[in-house]
Amino acid sequence: MEEAEMLFDDMKRSEKCRPDSWDLHCYAEYIWLEESLTLVKVLNVAIDGGVKLDDRFCGCLLSVASLSDESEDVAKVLACLQQANPKLVALVKLFEDEETSFETLKEEFRAVVSDAAIETRRPFCNCLIDICRKRDLHGRAHELLYLGTLHGLYPDLHHKTVKEWSLDVRSLSVGAAQRGVARVIFS
């Protein structure tokens, strides 16, 4: 941990090697395992230093939120994510609202996915599904997998014949794979 902090501090002081969003992404995932407050501090230093919080970094924060057990930690991560992608945070907040219709979820999901860089769309969806799974919102997780499939994020997810079915889980997170299995079994 100390070595990673020293390297990040050296990069901040350097005139030639300033940290970018990818460096921040790697460092954030590493330090989250140690201490959530450090992540907030690093994010603020990066923003002050002019680092653009791109979709890859938003994916990193979303991944951290999906791995967090404590609601207090998730709230800290979402507060950081709010600075970079308020639509994504608004979508996450819709999950627990029982009044949120599928149509509303579908519209908000479409807005987030269409604004996201192509290479981050599936990881976003995987993390969103994992967040729902962690919160025991299995219905929402199923809806998100369905929406991800509709938007082409999971092409050829499963193949079903009269005699067998197969599920290609290589592109799925744990939560998305569980939803995919449930979808195939119960469809």
N, C-alpha and C. Protein backbone atom coordinates (compact mmCIF):
# COMPACT_ATOMS: atom_id res chain seq x y z
N MET A 1 0.83 -1.19 0.00
CA MET A 1 0.00 0.00 0.00
C MET A 1 0.87 1.25 0.00
N GLU A 2 1.89 1.28 0.86
CA GLU A 2 2.76 2.44 0.94
C GLU A 2 3.50 2.67 -0.38
N GLU A 3 3.92 1.58 -1.02
CA GLU A 3 4.63 1.70 -2.29
C GLU A 3 3.73 2.32 -3.36
N ALA A 4 2.46 1.91 -3.40
CA ALA A 4 1.51 2.48 -4.37
C ALA A 4 1.29 3.96 -4.08
N GLU A 5 1.17 4.33 -2.83
CA GLU A 5 0.99 5.73 -2.47
C GLU A 5 2.21 6.56 -2.87
N MET A 6 3.41 6.02 -2.63
CA MET A 6 4.63 6.75 -2.99
C MET A 6 4.69 6.95 -4.51
N LEU A 7 4.37 5.91 -5.27
CA LEU A 7 4.38 6.02 -6.73
C LEU A 7 3.39 7.07 -7.20
N PHE A 8 2.18 7.05 -6.64
CA PHE A 8 1.16 8.03 -7.04
C PHE A 8 1.62 9.45 -6.67
N ASP A 9 2.21 9.62 -5.49
CA ASP A 9 2.72 10.94 -5.08
C ASP A 9 3.83 11.42 -6.01
N ASP A 10 4.73 10.50 -6.41
CA ASP A 10 5.79 10.87 -7.36
C ASP A 10 5.20 11.33 -8.69
N MET A 11 4.17 10.65 -9.14
CA MET A 11 3.54 11.02 -10.41
C MET A 11 2.88 12.39 -10.30
N LYS A 12 2.29 12.69 -9.17
CA LYS A 12 1.64 14.00 -8.99
C LYS A 12 2.67 15.13 -9.04
N ARG A 13 3.87 14.88 -8.49
CA ARG A 13 4.91 15.92 -8.44
C ARG A 13 5.66 16.05 -9.76
N SER A 14 5.63 15.04 -10.57
CA SER A 14 6.40 15.01 -11.81
C SER A 14 5.86 16.02 -12.83
N GLU A 15 6.77 16.62 -13.56
CA GLU A 15 6.39 17.52 -14.64
C GLU A 15 6.09 16.75 -15.93
N LYS A 16 6.70 15.56 -16.07
CA LYS A 16 6.58 14.80 -17.30
C LYS A 16 5.60 13.64 -17.21
N CYS A 17 5.37 13.13 -16.04
CA CYS A 17 4.56 11.91 -15.89
C CYS A 17 3.40 12.16 -14.92
N ARG A 18 2.42 12.90 -15.37
CA ARG A 18 1.25 13.21 -14.54
C ARG A 18 0.29 12.03 -14.57
N PRO A 19 -0.36 11.73 -13.47
CA PRO A 19 -1.33 10.62 -13.49
C PRO A 19 -2.52 10.95 -14.38
N ASP A 20 -2.95 9.95 -15.15
CA ASP A 20 -4.14 10.12 -15.98
C ASP A 20 -5.27 9.25 -15.42
N SER A 21 -6.37 9.18 -16.14
CA SER A 21 -7.52 8.44 -15.61
C SER A 21 -7.21 6.95 -15.46
N TRP A 22 -6.35 6.40 -16.33
CA TRP A 22 -6.03 4.97 -16.22
C TRP A 22 -5.19 4.72 -14.97
N ASP A 23 -4.22 5.58 -14.69
CA ASP A 23 -3.43 5.43 -13.47
C ASP A 23 -4.34 5.53 -12.25
N LEU A 24 -5.23 6.49 -12.30
CA LEU A 24 -6.16 6.69 -11.20
C LEU A 24 -7.06 5.48 -11.04
N HIS A 25 -7.50 4.92 -12.15
CA HIS A 25 -8.35 3.72 -12.13
C HIS A 25 -7.64 2.58 -11.39
N CYS A 26 -6.43 2.27 -11.79
CA CYS A 26 -5.66 1.18 -11.18
C CYS A 26 -5.41 1.44 -9.70
N TYR A 27 -5.00 2.65 -9.40
CA TYR A 27 -4.70 3.00 -8.02
C TYR A 27 -5.96 2.95 -7.16
N ALA A 28 -7.07 3.44 -7.68
CA ALA A 28 -8.32 3.46 -6.92
C ALA A 28 -8.79 2.05 -6.59
N GLU A 29 -8.71 1.13 -7.55
CA GLU A 29 -9.13 -0.24 -7.26
C GLU A 29 -8.23 -0.86 -6.19
N TYR A 30 -6.95 -0.55 -6.25
CA TYR A 30 -6.02 -1.09 -5.27
C TYR A 30 -6.28 -0.52 -3.88
N ILE A 31 -6.40 0.78 -3.77
CA ILE A 31 -6.53 1.37 -2.44
C ILE A 31 -7.89 1.13 -1.83
N TRP A 32 -8.92 0.90 -2.65
CA TRP A 32 -10.23 0.66 -2.07
C TRP A 32 -10.20 -0.55 -1.14
N LEU A 33 -9.38 -1.52 -1.48
CA LEU A 33 -9.26 -2.70 -0.64
C LEU A 33 -8.73 -2.34 0.74
N GLU A 34 -8.01 -1.24 0.84
CA GLU A 34 -7.40 -0.84 2.10
C GLU A 34 -8.25 0.17 2.87
N GLU A 35 -8.70 1.22 2.21
CA GLU A 35 -9.34 2.30 2.96
C GLU A 35 -10.15 3.20 2.03
N SER A 36 -11.45 3.31 2.31
CA SER A 36 -12.32 4.09 1.44
C SER A 36 -12.03 5.59 1.50
N LEU A 37 -11.62 6.09 2.63
CA LEU A 37 -11.33 7.53 2.73
C LEU A 37 -10.16 7.93 1.85
N THR A 38 -9.20 7.04 1.69
CA THR A 38 -8.07 7.31 0.82
C THR A 38 -8.53 7.47 -0.62
N LEU A 39 -9.50 6.67 -1.03
CA LEU A 39 -10.03 6.78 -2.38
C LEU A 39 -10.61 8.17 -2.61
N VAL A 40 -11.38 8.67 -1.66
CA VAL A 40 -11.97 10.00 -1.79
C VAL A 40 -10.88 11.07 -1.88
N LYS A 41 -9.86 10.92 -1.06
CA LYS A 41 -8.74 11.88 -1.06
C LYS A 41 -8.02 11.86 -2.41
N VAL A 42 -7.74 10.69 -2.92
CA VAL A 42 -7.04 10.55 -4.20
C VAL A 42 -7.89 11.14 -5.32
N LEU A 43 -9.18 10.87 -5.29
CA LEU A 43 -10.06 11.42 -6.31
C LEU A 43 -10.03 12.94 -6.30
N ASN A 44 -10.10 13.53 -5.14
CA ASN A 44 -10.06 14.99 -5.05
C ASN A 44 -8.74 15.56 -5.54
N VAL A 45 -7.64 14.91 -5.23
CA VAL A 45 -6.32 15.35 -5.71
C VAL A 45 -6.29 15.27 -7.24
N ALA A 46 -6.83 14.19 -7.78
CA ALA A 46 -6.83 14.01 -9.23
C ALA A 46 -7.66 15.09 -9.92
N ILE A 47 -8.83 15.36 -9.39
CA ILE A 47 -9.69 16.40 -9.98
C ILE A 47 -8.99 17.75 -9.92
N ASP A 48 -8.41 18.05 -8.76
CA ASP A 48 -7.68 19.32 -8.62
C ASP A 48 -6.50 19.38 -9.59
N GLY A 49 -5.92 18.23 -9.91
CA GLY A 49 -4.78 18.18 -10.82
C GLY A 49 -5.19 18.16 -12.29
N GLY A 50 -6.48 18.18 -12.56
CA GLY A 50 -6.95 18.25 -13.93
C GLY A 50 -7.20 16.91 -14.61
N VAL A 51 -7.20 15.81 -13.86
CA VAL A 51 -7.47 14.51 -14.46
C VAL A 51 -8.95 14.44 -14.83
N LYS A 52 -9.22 14.06 -16.07
CA LYS A 52 -10.59 13.92 -16.53
C LYS A 52 -11.12 12.57 -16.06
N LEU A 53 -12.24 12.61 -15.38
CA LEU A 53 -12.84 11.37 -14.89
C LEU A 53 -13.68 10.76 -16.01
N ASP A 54 -13.06 9.87 -16.77
CA ASP A 54 -13.73 9.30 -17.94
C ASP A 54 -14.56 8.08 -17.57
N ASP A 55 -15.15 7.46 -18.57
CA ASP A 55 -16.03 6.31 -18.33
C ASP A 55 -15.27 5.12 -17.73
N ARG A 56 -14.00 4.96 -18.08
CA ARG A 56 -13.23 3.86 -17.48
C ARG A 56 -13.12 4.05 -15.99
N PHE A 57 -12.88 5.28 -15.56
CA PHE A 57 -12.79 5.54 -14.12
C PHE A 57 -14.16 5.38 -13.47
N CYS A 58 -15.21 5.80 -14.15
CA CYS A 58 -16.56 5.59 -13.61
C CYS A 58 -16.83 4.10 -13.44
N GLY A 59 -16.36 3.31 -14.39
CA GLY A 59 -16.49 1.85 -14.27
C GLY A 59 -15.75 1.31 -13.07
N CYS A 60 -14.58 1.88 -12.81
CA CYS A 60 -13.80 1.49 -11.63
C CYS A 60 -14.60 1.78 -10.36
N LEU A 61 -15.14 2.98 -10.27
CA LEU A 61 -15.92 3.35 -9.08
C LEU A 61 -17.17 2.48 -8.95
N LEU A 62 -17.80 2.19 -10.07
CA LEU A 62 -18.98 1.33 -10.05
C LEU A 62 -18.60 -0.07 -9.59
N SER A 63 -17.45 -0.55 -10.03
CA SER A 63 -16.96 -1.85 -9.60
C SER A 63 -16.70 -1.87 -8.09
N VAL A 64 -16.09 -0.82 -7.59
CA VAL A 64 -15.84 -0.71 -6.15
C VAL A 64 -17.17 -0.72 -5.40
N ALA A 65 -18.16 0.01 -5.90
CA ALA A 65 -19.48 0.03 -5.25
C ALA A 65 -20.11 -1.35 -5.26
N SER A 66 -19.91 -2.10 -6.34
CA SER A 66 -20.51 -3.43 -6.42
C SER A 66 -19.83 -4.43 -5.48
N LEU A 67 -18.60 -4.15 -5.09
CA LEU A 67 -17.86 -5.04 -4.19
C LEU A 67 -18.01 -4.66 -2.73
N SER A 68 -18.52 -3.47 -2.46
CA SER A 68 -18.60 -2.97 -1.09
C SER A 68 -19.75 -3.61 -0.33
N ASP A 69 -19.46 -3.99 0.90
CA ASP A 69 -20.49 -4.59 1.75
C ASP A 69 -21.23 -3.56 2.59
N GLU A 70 -20.54 -2.52 2.96
CA GLU A 70 -21.11 -1.52 3.85
C GLU A 70 -21.81 -0.42 3.07
N SER A 71 -23.03 -0.09 3.47
CA SER A 71 -23.77 0.97 2.77
C SER A 71 -23.07 2.32 2.89
N GLU A 72 -22.35 2.52 3.99
CA GLU A 72 -21.59 3.77 4.17
C GLU A 72 -20.49 3.88 3.13
N ASP A 73 -19.81 2.78 2.83
CA ASP A 73 -18.77 2.77 1.81
C ASP A 73 -19.37 3.01 0.42
N VAL A 74 -20.50 2.37 0.15
CA VAL A 74 -21.15 2.56 -1.13
C VAL A 74 -21.54 4.03 -1.31
N ALA A 75 -22.03 4.64 -0.25
CA ALA A 75 -22.42 6.06 -0.31
C ALA A 75 -21.21 6.94 -0.64
N LYS A 76 -20.05 6.63 -0.07
CA LYS A 76 -18.84 7.40 -0.36
C LYS A 76 -18.44 7.26 -1.83
N VAL A 77 -18.52 6.04 -2.33
CA VAL A 77 -18.15 5.80 -3.73
C VAL A 77 -19.13 6.51 -4.66
N LEU A 78 -20.43 6.42 -4.35
CA LEU A 78 -21.42 7.08 -5.20
C LEU A 78 -21.25 8.59 -5.16
N ALA A 79 -20.82 9.13 -4.03
CA ALA A 79 -20.56 10.58 -3.95
C ALA A 79 -19.41 10.95 -4.89
N CYS A 80 -18.39 10.12 -4.96
CA CYS A 80 -17.28 10.36 -5.91
C CYS A 80 -17.78 10.23 -7.34
N LEU A 81 -18.55 9.20 -7.59
CA LEU A 81 -19.07 8.94 -8.93
C LEU A 81 -20.00 10.05 -9.39
N GLN A 82 -20.70 10.67 -8.46
CA GLN A 82 -21.62 11.76 -8.78
C GLN A 82 -20.90 12.91 -9.49
N GLN A 83 -19.64 13.13 -9.11
CA GLN A 83 -18.86 14.21 -9.73
C GLN A 83 -18.58 13.94 -11.20
N ALA A 84 -18.47 12.67 -11.54
CA ALA A 84 -18.09 12.30 -12.90
C ALA A 84 -19.28 11.93 -13.78
N ASN A 85 -20.29 11.29 -13.19
CA ASN A 85 -21.41 10.80 -14.00
C ASN A 85 -22.69 10.79 -13.17
N PRO A 86 -23.34 11.95 -13.04
CA PRO A 86 -24.57 12.03 -12.24
C PRO A 86 -25.70 11.14 -12.75
N LYS A 87 -25.78 10.91 -14.07
CA LYS A 87 -26.83 10.03 -14.61
C LYS A 87 -26.67 8.60 -14.11
N LEU A 88 -25.43 8.16 -14.01
CA LEU A 88 -25.16 6.81 -13.55
C LEU A 88 -25.57 6.64 -12.09
N VAL A 89 -25.29 7.64 -11.28
CA VAL A 89 -25.68 7.60 -9.87
C VAL A 89 -27.20 7.65 -9.74
N ALA A 90 -27.84 8.46 -10.55
CA ALA A 90 -29.31 8.53 -10.52
C ALA A 90 -29.92 7.17 -10.85
N LEU A 91 -29.31 6.47 -11.81
CA LEU A 91 -29.79 5.13 -12.17
C LEU A 91 -29.65 4.17 -10.99
N VAL A 92 -28.51 4.19 -10.33
CA VAL A 92 -28.29 3.32 -9.17
C VAL A 92 -29.33 3.60 -8.08
N LYS A 93 -29.63 4.86 -7.87
CA LYS A 93 -30.60 5.23 -6.83
C LYS A 93 -32.02 4.78 -7.17
N LEU A 94 -32.31 4.59 -8.45
CA LEU A 94 -33.64 4.11 -8.86
C LEU A 94 -33.89 2.66 -8.46
N PHE A 95 -32.83 1.89 -8.30
CA PHE A 95 -32.97 0.45 -8.08
C PHE A 95 -33.84 0.13 -6.87
N GLU A 96 -33.62 0.81 -5.76
CA GLU A 96 -34.33 0.47 -4.53
C GLU A 96 -35.70 1.11 -4.41
N ASP A 97 -36.01 2.02 -5.30
CA ASP A 97 -37.32 2.67 -5.26
C ASP A 97 -38.35 1.73 -5.89
N GLU A 98 -39.22 1.19 -5.06
CA GLU A 98 -40.23 0.25 -5.54
C GLU A 98 -41.22 0.90 -6.50
N GLU A 99 -41.31 2.22 -6.45
CA GLU A 99 -42.23 2.95 -7.34
C GLU A 99 -41.67 3.08 -8.76
N THR A 100 -40.39 2.79 -8.93
CA THR A 100 -39.77 2.92 -10.25
C THR A 100 -40.29 1.81 -11.16
N SER A 101 -40.91 2.22 -12.25
CA SER A 101 -41.44 1.24 -13.21
C SER A 101 -40.32 0.71 -14.09
N PHE A 102 -40.60 -0.39 -14.75
CA PHE A 102 -39.64 -0.95 -15.69
C PHE A 102 -39.38 0.04 -16.83
N GLU A 103 -40.43 0.74 -17.27
CA GLU A 103 -40.29 1.72 -18.36
C GLU A 103 -39.33 2.85 -17.97
N THR A 104 -39.44 3.31 -16.73
CA THR A 104 -38.54 4.36 -16.25
C THR A 104 -37.11 3.84 -16.20
N LEU A 105 -36.95 2.64 -15.65
CA LEU A 105 -35.62 2.02 -15.59
C LEU A 105 -35.04 1.87 -16.99
N LYS A 106 -35.87 1.45 -17.91
CA LYS A 106 -35.44 1.25 -19.30
C LYS A 106 -34.95 2.56 -19.92
N GLU A 107 -35.68 3.64 -19.71
CA GLU A 107 -35.29 4.94 -20.25
C GLU A 107 -33.99 5.45 -19.63
N GLU A 108 -33.87 5.34 -18.32
CA GLU A 108 -32.65 5.80 -17.64
C GLU A 108 -31.45 4.95 -18.03
N PHE A 109 -31.65 3.65 -18.14
CA PHE A 109 -30.58 2.75 -18.56
C PHE A 109 -30.11 3.12 -19.96
N ARG A 110 -31.06 3.35 -20.86
CA ARG A 110 -30.72 3.71 -22.23
C ARG A 110 -29.91 5.01 -22.27
N ALA A 111 -30.30 5.97 -21.44
CA ALA A 111 -29.58 7.25 -21.41
C ALA A 111 -28.13 7.05 -20.95
N VAL A 112 -27.95 6.24 -19.92
CA VAL A 112 -26.60 5.99 -19.40
C VAL A 112 -25.77 5.23 -20.43
N VAL A 113 -26.33 4.18 -21.00
CA VAL A 113 -25.58 3.34 -21.95
C VAL A 113 -25.25 4.12 -23.22
N SER A 114 -26.18 4.91 -23.71
CA SER A 114 -25.90 5.63 -24.95
C SER A 114 -24.85 6.72 -24.77
N ASP A 115 -24.74 7.26 -23.55
CA ASP A 115 -23.72 8.27 -23.27
C ASP A 115 -22.34 7.68 -22.96
N ALA A 116 -22.31 6.39 -22.63
CA ALA A 116 -21.06 5.75 -22.20
C ALA A 116 -20.21 5.34 -23.39
N ALA A 117 -18.91 5.33 -23.17
CA ALA A 117 -17.99 4.82 -24.20
C ALA A 117 -18.32 3.35 -24.46
N ILE A 118 -18.23 2.94 -25.69
CA ILE A 118 -18.64 1.59 -26.10
C ILE A 118 -17.97 0.51 -25.25
N GLU A 119 -16.68 0.66 -24.99
CA GLU A 119 -15.95 -0.38 -24.25
C GLU A 119 -16.33 -0.45 -22.77
N THR A 120 -17.07 0.53 -22.28
CA THR A 120 -17.46 0.52 -20.86
C THR A 120 -18.91 0.10 -20.65
N ARG A 121 -19.67 -0.06 -21.69
CA ARG A 121 -21.10 -0.35 -21.55
C ARG A 121 -21.37 -1.68 -20.85
N ARG A 122 -20.73 -2.74 -21.31
CA ARG A 122 -20.96 -4.05 -20.68
C ARG A 122 -20.43 -4.07 -19.25
N PRO A 123 -19.23 -3.55 -18.98
CA PRO A 123 -18.79 -3.50 -17.58
C PRO A 123 -19.74 -2.69 -16.69
N PHE A 124 -20.27 -1.58 -17.21
CA PHE A 124 -21.26 -0.82 -16.44
C PHE A 124 -22.45 -1.71 -16.09
N CYS A 125 -22.97 -2.40 -17.11
CA CYS A 125 -24.14 -3.24 -16.88
C CYS A 125 -23.82 -4.36 -15.90
N ASN A 126 -22.66 -5.00 -16.05
CA ASN A 126 -22.27 -6.05 -15.11
C ASN A 126 -22.24 -5.52 -13.67
N CYS A 127 -21.64 -4.35 -13.49
CA CYS A 127 -21.54 -3.77 -12.15
C CYS A 127 -22.91 -3.40 -11.60
N LEU A 128 -23.76 -2.85 -12.45
CA LEU A 128 -25.11 -2.50 -12.00
C LEU A 128 -25.88 -3.74 -11.56
N ILE A 129 -25.73 -4.83 -12.31
CA ILE A 129 -26.36 -6.09 -11.93
C ILE A 129 -25.79 -6.57 -10.59
N ASP A 130 -24.48 -6.48 -10.42
CA ASP A 130 -23.86 -6.90 -9.17
C ASP A 130 -24.31 -6.06 -7.98
N ILE A 131 -24.49 -4.77 -8.20
CA ILE A 131 -25.00 -3.90 -7.13
C ILE A 131 -26.39 -4.37 -6.72
N CYS A 132 -27.24 -4.67 -7.69
CA CYS A 132 -28.58 -5.17 -7.37
C CYS A 132 -28.51 -6.50 -6.64
N ARG A 133 -27.64 -7.37 -7.09
CA ARG A 133 -27.50 -8.68 -6.45
C ARG A 133 -27.05 -8.52 -5.00
N LYS A 134 -26.11 -7.62 -4.77
CA LYS A 134 -25.59 -7.40 -3.41
C LYS A 134 -26.68 -6.87 -2.49
N ARG A 135 -27.63 -6.12 -3.05
CA ARG A 135 -28.73 -5.54 -2.27
C ARG A 135 -29.98 -6.42 -2.26
N ASP A 136 -29.85 -7.64 -2.76
CA ASP A 136 -30.97 -8.58 -2.86
C ASP A 136 -32.12 -8.04 -3.71
N LEU A 137 -31.78 -7.32 -4.75
CA LEU A 137 -32.77 -6.80 -5.69
C LEU A 137 -32.71 -7.65 -6.96
N HIS A 138 -33.06 -8.92 -6.81
CA HIS A 138 -32.89 -9.87 -7.90
C HIS A 138 -33.79 -9.55 -9.10
N GLY A 139 -34.97 -9.01 -8.84
CA GLY A 139 -35.85 -8.62 -9.94
C GLY A 139 -35.22 -7.51 -10.79
N ARG A 140 -34.63 -6.52 -10.11
CA ARG A 140 -33.96 -5.43 -10.83
C ARG A 140 -32.76 -5.96 -11.59
N ALA A 141 -32.01 -6.87 -10.97
CA ALA A 141 -30.85 -7.45 -11.65
C ALA A 141 -31.29 -8.16 -12.93
N HIS A 142 -32.39 -8.88 -12.84
CA HIS A 142 -32.92 -9.58 -14.02
C HIS A 142 -33.32 -8.57 -15.10
N GLU A 143 -33.96 -7.48 -14.68
CA GLU A 143 -34.35 -6.44 -15.64
C GLU A 143 -33.13 -5.83 -16.32
N LEU A 144 -32.08 -5.61 -15.56
CA LEU A 144 -30.85 -5.04 -16.13
C LEU A 144 -30.19 -5.98 -17.12
N LEU A 145 -30.17 -7.27 -16.80
CA LEU A 145 -29.62 -8.23 -17.75
C LEU A 145 -30.45 -8.22 -19.03
N TYR A 146 -31.75 -8.17 -18.89
CA TYR A 146 -32.63 -8.11 -20.05
C TYR A 146 -32.34 -6.86 -20.88
N LEU A 147 -32.22 -5.72 -20.20
CA LEU A 147 -31.94 -4.46 -20.90
C LEU A 147 -30.56 -4.51 -21.57
N GLY A 148 -29.58 -5.08 -20.88
CA GLY A 148 -28.26 -5.22 -21.48
C GLY A 148 -28.30 -6.08 -22.74
N THR A 149 -29.11 -7.12 -22.70
CA THR A 149 -29.28 -7.99 -23.87
C THR A 149 -29.96 -7.23 -25.00
N LEU A 150 -31.00 -6.46 -24.66
CA LEU A 150 -31.69 -5.65 -25.67
C LEU A 150 -30.76 -4.65 -26.36
N HIS A 151 -29.82 -4.12 -25.59
CA HIS A 151 -28.89 -3.11 -26.13
C HIS A 151 -27.65 -3.75 -26.76
N GLY A 152 -27.66 -5.06 -26.91
CA GLY A 152 -26.57 -5.75 -27.59
C GLY A 152 -25.30 -5.90 -26.77
N LEU A 153 -25.41 -5.77 -25.44
CA LEU A 153 -24.22 -5.88 -24.60
C LEU A 153 -23.80 -7.34 -24.38
N TYR A 154 -24.73 -8.26 -24.55
CA TYR A 154 -24.46 -9.67 -24.32
C TYR A 154 -24.90 -10.49 -25.55
N PRO A 155 -24.22 -10.31 -26.68
CA PRO A 155 -24.62 -11.08 -27.86
C PRO A 155 -24.33 -12.57 -27.65
N ASP A 156 -25.19 -13.38 -28.17
CA ASP A 156 -25.02 -14.84 -28.07
C ASP A 156 -24.82 -15.30 -26.63
N LEU A 157 -25.58 -14.71 -25.72
CA LEU A 157 -25.45 -15.05 -24.31
C LEU A 157 -25.76 -16.52 -24.06
N HIS A 158 -26.83 -16.99 -24.63
CA HIS A 158 -27.14 -18.41 -24.44
C HIS A 158 -27.70 -19.01 -25.72
N HIS A 159 -27.52 -20.30 -25.81
CA HIS A 159 -28.01 -21.08 -26.94
C HIS A 159 -28.88 -22.19 -26.36
N LYS A 160 -30.06 -22.33 -26.91
CA LYS A 160 -30.99 -23.32 -26.38
C LYS A 160 -31.53 -24.15 -27.54
N THR A 161 -31.40 -25.46 -27.40
CA THR A 161 -31.99 -26.37 -28.37
C THR A 161 -32.95 -27.27 -27.62
N VAL A 162 -33.58 -28.17 -28.32
CA VAL A 162 -34.53 -29.09 -27.69
C VAL A 162 -33.82 -29.96 -26.65
N LYS A 163 -32.58 -30.33 -26.92
CA LYS A 163 -31.87 -31.27 -26.05
C LYS A 163 -30.93 -30.63 -25.03
N GLU A 164 -30.50 -29.40 -25.26
CA GLU A 164 -29.54 -28.80 -24.33
C GLU A 164 -29.56 -27.29 -24.42
N TRP A 165 -28.97 -26.67 -23.40
CA TRP A 165 -28.75 -25.23 -23.45
C TRP A 165 -27.36 -24.95 -22.94
N SER A 166 -26.81 -23.87 -23.42
CA SER A 166 -25.49 -23.46 -22.95
C SER A 166 -25.50 -21.95 -22.70
N LEU A 167 -24.71 -21.56 -21.76
CA LEU A 167 -24.61 -20.15 -21.38
C LEU A 167 -23.15 -19.74 -21.46
N ASP A 168 -22.87 -18.70 -22.21
CA ASP A 168 -21.50 -18.19 -22.34
C ASP A 168 -21.29 -17.13 -21.26
N VAL A 169 -20.66 -17.51 -20.16
CA VAL A 169 -20.51 -16.62 -19.01
C VAL A 169 -19.20 -15.83 -19.02
N ARG A 170 -18.41 -15.98 -20.05
CA ARG A 170 -17.10 -15.32 -20.06
C ARG A 170 -17.20 -13.80 -20.02
N SER A 171 -18.25 -13.24 -20.54
CA SER A 171 -18.38 -11.78 -20.56
C SER A 171 -19.21 -11.25 -19.40
N LEU A 172 -19.57 -12.12 -18.48
CA LEU A 172 -20.47 -11.73 -17.39
C LEU A 172 -19.75 -11.65 -16.05
N SER A 173 -20.23 -10.76 -15.20
CA SER A 173 -19.78 -10.75 -13.81
C SER A 173 -20.50 -11.88 -13.10
N VAL A 174 -20.17 -12.12 -11.84
CA VAL A 174 -20.82 -13.18 -11.07
C VAL A 174 -22.33 -12.95 -11.00
N GLY A 175 -22.72 -11.72 -10.67
CA GLY A 175 -24.14 -11.41 -10.57
C GLY A 175 -24.87 -11.57 -11.89
N ALA A 176 -24.24 -11.11 -12.97
CA ALA A 176 -24.86 -11.23 -14.29
C ALA A 176 -24.95 -12.69 -14.70
N ALA A 177 -23.94 -13.49 -14.38
CA ALA A 177 -23.98 -14.92 -14.70
C ALA A 177 -25.11 -15.61 -13.93
N GLN A 178 -25.29 -15.26 -12.67
CA GLN A 178 -26.39 -15.84 -11.90
C GLN A 178 -27.73 -15.48 -12.51
N ARG A 179 -27.88 -14.24 -12.93
CA ARG A 179 -29.14 -13.82 -13.57
C ARG A 179 -29.31 -14.53 -14.90
N GLY A 180 -28.21 -14.72 -15.63
CA GLY A 180 -28.28 -15.39 -16.91
C GLY A 180 -28.71 -16.84 -16.75
N VAL A 181 -28.18 -17.53 -15.76
CA VAL A 181 -28.57 -18.91 -15.48
C VAL A 181 -30.05 -18.95 -15.11
N ALA A 182 -30.48 -18.06 -14.24
CA ALA A 182 -31.88 -18.03 -13.84
C ALA A 182 -32.78 -17.76 -15.04
N ARG A 183 -32.33 -16.90 -15.92
CA ARG A 183 -33.12 -16.56 -17.11
C ARG A 183 -33.30 -17.76 -18.01
N VAL A 184 -32.23 -18.52 -18.21
CA VAL A 184 -32.30 -19.69 -19.08
C VAL A 184 -33.13 -20.79 -18.43
N ILE A 185 -32.96 -21.02 -17.15
CA ILE A 185 -33.68 -22.08 -16.45
C ILE A 185 -35.17 -21.80 -16.42
N PHE A 186 -35.54 -20.56 -16.16
CA PHE A 186 -36.95 -20.24 -15.96
C PHE A 186 -37.63 -19.70 -17.22
N SER A 187 -36.94 -19.74 -18.36
CA SER A 187 -37.59 -19.25 -19.58
C SER A 187 -38.12 -20.40 -20.41
